[in-house]
Amino acid sequence: MESHISHALAKTGCQSRLELTLWLIANCQPEAPTSVVTLPGLPA
């Protein structure tokens, strides 16, 4: 696992796991928007 993290750090230029995590959050957004489904309310 460490080699994967080291490779990702080198590839992105990040200096720490935290910086890598923030980079991933900022750059790996879903390509298609997430569908929102509205369910009918329950009877009272």
N, C-alpha and C. Protein backbone atom coordinates (compact mmCIF):
# COMPACT_ATOMS: atom_id res chain seq x y z
N MET A 1 0.83 -1.19 0.00
CA MET A 1 0.00 0.00 0.00
C MET A 1 0.87 1.25 0.00
N GLU A 2 1.96 1.23 0.74
CA GLU A 2 2.84 2.40 0.80
C GLU A 2 3.39 2.77 -0.56
N SER A 3 3.69 1.77 -1.40
CA SER A 3 4.25 2.09 -2.71
C SER A 3 3.21 2.80 -3.58
N HIS A 4 1.93 2.44 -3.42
CA HIS A 4 0.87 3.11 -4.18
C HIS A 4 0.75 4.57 -3.74
N ILE A 5 0.83 4.80 -2.44
CA ILE A 5 0.74 6.17 -1.92
C ILE A 5 1.94 6.98 -2.36
N SER A 6 3.13 6.39 -2.27
CA SER A 6 4.34 7.08 -2.71
C SER A 6 4.26 7.45 -4.18
N HIS A 7 3.76 6.53 -5.00
CA HIS A 7 3.61 6.79 -6.43
C HIS A 7 2.61 7.92 -6.67
N ALA A 8 1.49 7.90 -5.95
CA ALA A 8 0.48 8.95 -6.11
C ALA A 8 1.02 10.30 -5.67
N LEU A 9 1.80 10.32 -4.58
CA LEU A 9 2.41 11.57 -4.12
C LEU A 9 3.36 12.12 -5.18
N ALA A 10 4.18 11.25 -5.75
CA ALA A 10 5.13 11.68 -6.77
C ALA A 10 4.41 12.16 -8.03
N LYS A 11 3.37 11.46 -8.42
CA LYS A 11 2.65 11.79 -9.65
C LYS A 11 1.93 13.13 -9.54
N THR A 12 1.35 13.42 -8.37
CA THR A 12 0.58 14.65 -8.20
C THR A 12 1.41 15.82 -7.70
N GLY A 13 2.60 15.53 -7.17
CA GLY A 13 3.43 16.59 -6.62
C GLY A 13 3.04 16.96 -5.20
N CYS A 14 2.14 16.19 -4.60
CA CYS A 14 1.71 16.45 -3.23
C CYS A 14 2.83 16.09 -2.26
N GLN A 15 2.85 16.76 -1.10
CA GLN A 15 3.90 16.54 -0.11
C GLN A 15 3.46 15.63 1.04
N SER A 16 2.16 15.44 1.22
CA SER A 16 1.68 14.63 2.34
C SER A 16 0.41 13.90 1.95
N ARG A 17 0.02 12.95 2.79
CA ARG A 17 -1.22 12.21 2.55
C ARG A 17 -2.43 13.14 2.62
N LEU A 18 -2.38 14.11 3.53
CA LEU A 18 -3.49 15.06 3.65
C LEU A 18 -3.61 15.88 2.36
N GLU A 19 -2.49 16.38 1.87
CA GLU A 19 -2.51 17.15 0.63
C GLU A 19 -3.01 16.29 -0.53
N LEU A 20 -2.60 15.03 -0.57
CA LEU A 20 -3.06 14.11 -1.60
C LEU A 20 -4.57 13.89 -1.50
N THR A 21 -5.08 13.73 -0.29
CA THR A 21 -6.51 13.54 -0.08
C THR A 21 -7.29 14.76 -0.57
N LEU A 22 -6.81 15.95 -0.22
CA LEU A 22 -7.48 17.17 -0.67
C LEU A 22 -7.42 17.30 -2.18
N TRP A 23 -6.30 16.91 -2.78
CA TRP A 23 -6.15 16.95 -4.24
C TRP A 23 -7.16 16.00 -4.88
N LEU A 24 -7.30 14.79 -4.31
CA LEU A 24 -8.24 13.82 -4.86
C LEU A 24 -9.68 14.32 -4.77
N ILE A 25 -10.04 14.93 -3.64
CA ILE A 25 -11.39 15.46 -3.48
C ILE A 25 -11.65 16.55 -4.52
N ALA A 26 -10.67 17.41 -4.75
CA ALA A 26 -10.85 18.52 -5.68
C ALA A 26 -10.84 18.07 -7.14
N ASN A 27 -10.12 17.00 -7.46
CA ASN A 27 -9.90 16.64 -8.86
C ASN A 27 -10.61 15.38 -9.33
N CYS A 28 -11.22 14.64 -8.45
CA CYS A 28 -11.85 13.38 -8.85
C CYS A 28 -13.35 13.43 -8.61
N GLN A 29 -13.97 14.46 -9.13
CA GLN A 29 -15.42 14.58 -9.02
C GLN A 29 -16.07 13.63 -10.02
N PRO A 30 -17.27 13.14 -9.73
CA PRO A 30 -17.97 12.27 -10.69
C PRO A 30 -18.19 13.02 -12.00
N GLU A 31 -18.07 12.30 -13.10
CA GLU A 31 -18.23 12.92 -14.41
C GLU A 31 -19.69 13.27 -14.70
N ALA A 32 -20.59 12.41 -14.30
CA ALA A 32 -22.01 12.65 -14.52
C ALA A 32 -22.64 13.13 -13.21
N PRO A 33 -23.55 14.09 -13.29
CA PRO A 33 -24.21 14.54 -12.07
C PRO A 33 -25.00 13.40 -11.43
N THR A 34 -25.03 13.40 -10.13
CA THR A 34 -25.76 12.37 -9.40
C THR A 34 -27.26 12.64 -9.50
N SER A 35 -28.02 11.61 -9.77
CA SER A 35 -29.47 11.76 -9.87
C SER A 35 -30.07 11.94 -8.48
N VAL A 36 -31.06 12.79 -8.41
CA VAL A 36 -31.77 13.00 -7.16
C VAL A 36 -33.17 12.43 -7.34
N VAL A 37 -33.55 11.58 -6.42
CA VAL A 37 -34.87 10.94 -6.50
C VAL A 37 -35.69 11.43 -5.32
N THR A 38 -36.91 11.88 -5.61
CA THR A 38 -37.82 12.31 -4.55
C THR A 38 -38.83 11.20 -4.32
N LEU A 39 -38.90 10.75 -3.09
CA LEU A 39 -39.85 9.69 -2.74
C LEU A 39 -41.13 10.32 -2.20
N PRO A 40 -42.27 9.69 -2.46
CA PRO A 40 -43.52 10.23 -1.92
C PRO A 40 -43.52 10.13 -0.39
N GLY A 41 -44.19 11.07 0.25
CA GLY A 41 -44.26 11.06 1.70
C GLY A 41 -45.14 9.93 2.21
N LEU A 42 -44.94 9.57 3.46
CA LEU A 42 -45.76 8.53 4.08
C LEU A 42 -47.09 9.13 4.52
N PRO A 43 -48.16 8.34 4.50
CA PRO A 43 -49.45 8.86 4.99
C PRO A 43 -49.36 9.23 6.46
N ALA A 44 -50.08 10.26 6.84
CA ALA A 44 -50.03 10.75 8.23
C ALA A 44 -50.77 9.87 9.19
